[in-house]
Protein backbone atom coordinates (compact mmCIF):
# COMPACT_ATOMS: atom_id res chain seq x y z
CA MET A 1 1.23 22.85 -52.21
CA PHE A 2 0.76 20.68 -49.13
CA SER A 3 3.16 18.15 -47.65
CA ALA A 4 2.98 15.99 -44.57
CA ASP A 5 5.37 13.77 -42.66
CA VAL A 6 3.97 10.56 -41.29
CA ILE A 7 5.41 9.71 -37.90
CA ARG A 8 5.03 6.12 -36.81
CA GLN A 9 3.82 5.85 -33.23
CA ASN A 10 5.34 2.99 -31.27
CA THR A 11 2.99 0.72 -29.39
CA PRO A 12 4.73 -0.85 -26.39
CA PRO A 13 4.79 -4.63 -26.06
CA THR A 14 2.41 -6.43 -23.70
CA VAL A 15 3.39 -9.51 -21.73
CA THR A 16 0.40 -11.85 -21.85
CA GLU A 17 1.90 -14.88 -20.08
CA PHE A 18 4.85 -15.36 -17.75
CA GLU A 19 6.17 -17.97 -15.34
CA PRO A 20 5.99 -18.39 -12.46
CA GLU A 21 2.57 -16.78 -12.18
CA GLN A 22 2.80 -16.24 -8.41
CA SER A 23 3.99 -12.86 -7.17
CA GLU A 24 5.49 -14.38 -4.01
CA LEU A 25 7.70 -17.46 -4.02
CA PHE A 26 9.18 -19.35 -1.10
CA HIS A 27 12.34 -21.41 -1.66
CA HIS A 28 15.32 -22.82 0.19
CA ILE A 29 19.06 -22.31 -0.26
CA GLY A 30 20.20 -24.47 -3.17
CA ASP A 31 16.86 -24.33 -5.01
CA ALA A 32 16.76 -23.10 -8.61
CA ILE A 33 13.95 -20.85 -9.79
CA GLN A 34 13.17 -20.34 -13.48
CA PHE A 35 11.48 -17.18 -14.73
CA LYS A 36 10.13 -16.94 -18.29
CA ILE A 37 8.39 -14.49 -20.56
CA VAL A 38 6.15 -17.10 -22.23
CA LYS A 39 4.03 -14.89 -24.49
CA ILE A 40 4.51 -11.30 -25.52
CA TYR A 41 2.53 -9.25 -28.02
CA ASP A 42 3.92 -6.30 -29.95
CA PRO A 43 1.61 -4.94 -32.65
CA ASP A 44 4.60 -3.25 -34.30
CA ARG A 45 6.47 -6.59 -34.48
CA ASP A 46 9.64 -4.98 -33.18
CA THR A 47 12.59 -7.06 -32.02
CA MET A 48 12.56 -7.44 -28.23
CA THR A 49 15.46 -7.22 -25.82
CA TYR A 50 15.17 -8.34 -22.22
CA THR A 51 16.97 -7.28 -19.05
CA TRP A 52 16.30 -9.31 -15.91
CA LEU A 53 16.95 -7.55 -12.62
CA LEU A 54 17.52 -9.02 -9.17
CA ASN A 55 17.06 -6.28 -6.57
CA ASP A 56 17.57 -3.67 -9.35
CA GLU A 57 20.87 -5.24 -10.52
CA PRO A 58 21.09 -6.78 -14.04
CA VAL A 59 21.41 -10.58 -13.95
CA GLY A 60 20.26 -11.74 -17.39
CA ARG A 61 19.48 -10.72 -20.98
CA ASP A 62 17.32 -13.46 -22.47
CA TRP A 63 13.60 -14.32 -22.49
CA SER A 64 14.16 -16.68 -19.55
CA LEU A 65 16.28 -16.67 -16.40
CA THR A 66 17.28 -19.35 -13.91
CA LEU A 67 18.46 -18.22 -10.50
CA GLN A 68 20.12 -20.45 -7.92
CA ILE A 69 19.22 -19.49 -4.35
CA GLY A 70 22.47 -18.91 -2.46
CA GLU A 71 23.65 -18.18 1.07
CA SER A 72 24.13 -14.49 0.25
CA TRP A 73 20.52 -13.89 -0.76
CA HIS A 74 18.45 -11.47 1.29
CA ALA A 75 15.35 -12.66 3.14
CA GLU A 76 13.25 -10.81 0.53
CA ASN A 77 14.29 -10.28 -3.10
CA THR A 78 12.71 -8.68 -6.14
CA VAL A 79 13.01 -10.11 -9.65
CA SER A 80 11.76 -8.06 -12.61
CA CYS A 81 12.20 -8.00 -16.37
CA VAL A 82 12.50 -4.83 -18.46
CA ILE A 83 11.49 -5.39 -22.09
CA PHE A 84 12.63 -2.97 -24.76
CA ASP A 85 11.19 -3.03 -28.26
CA GLY A 86 13.84 -0.95 -29.96
CA THR A 87 11.98 2.33 -30.31
């Protein structure tokens, strides 16, 4: 007798479009900047969760993020989004 377990391999999601497209942005105090994950592809059709980071600190948990430039901002800042597909 032969038996086998089928293990589903997860395929990570791929961001295919995001805004703004530029990797460097220049703004002034008081400006608002909106970041968006516009299109994402996951062949497994898993539910996505998003964590936006500003200088490695969590600042949002949706597919988009609006940041207001304030007095306390550093001269250079890094914004990133970690996308988790549940597996």
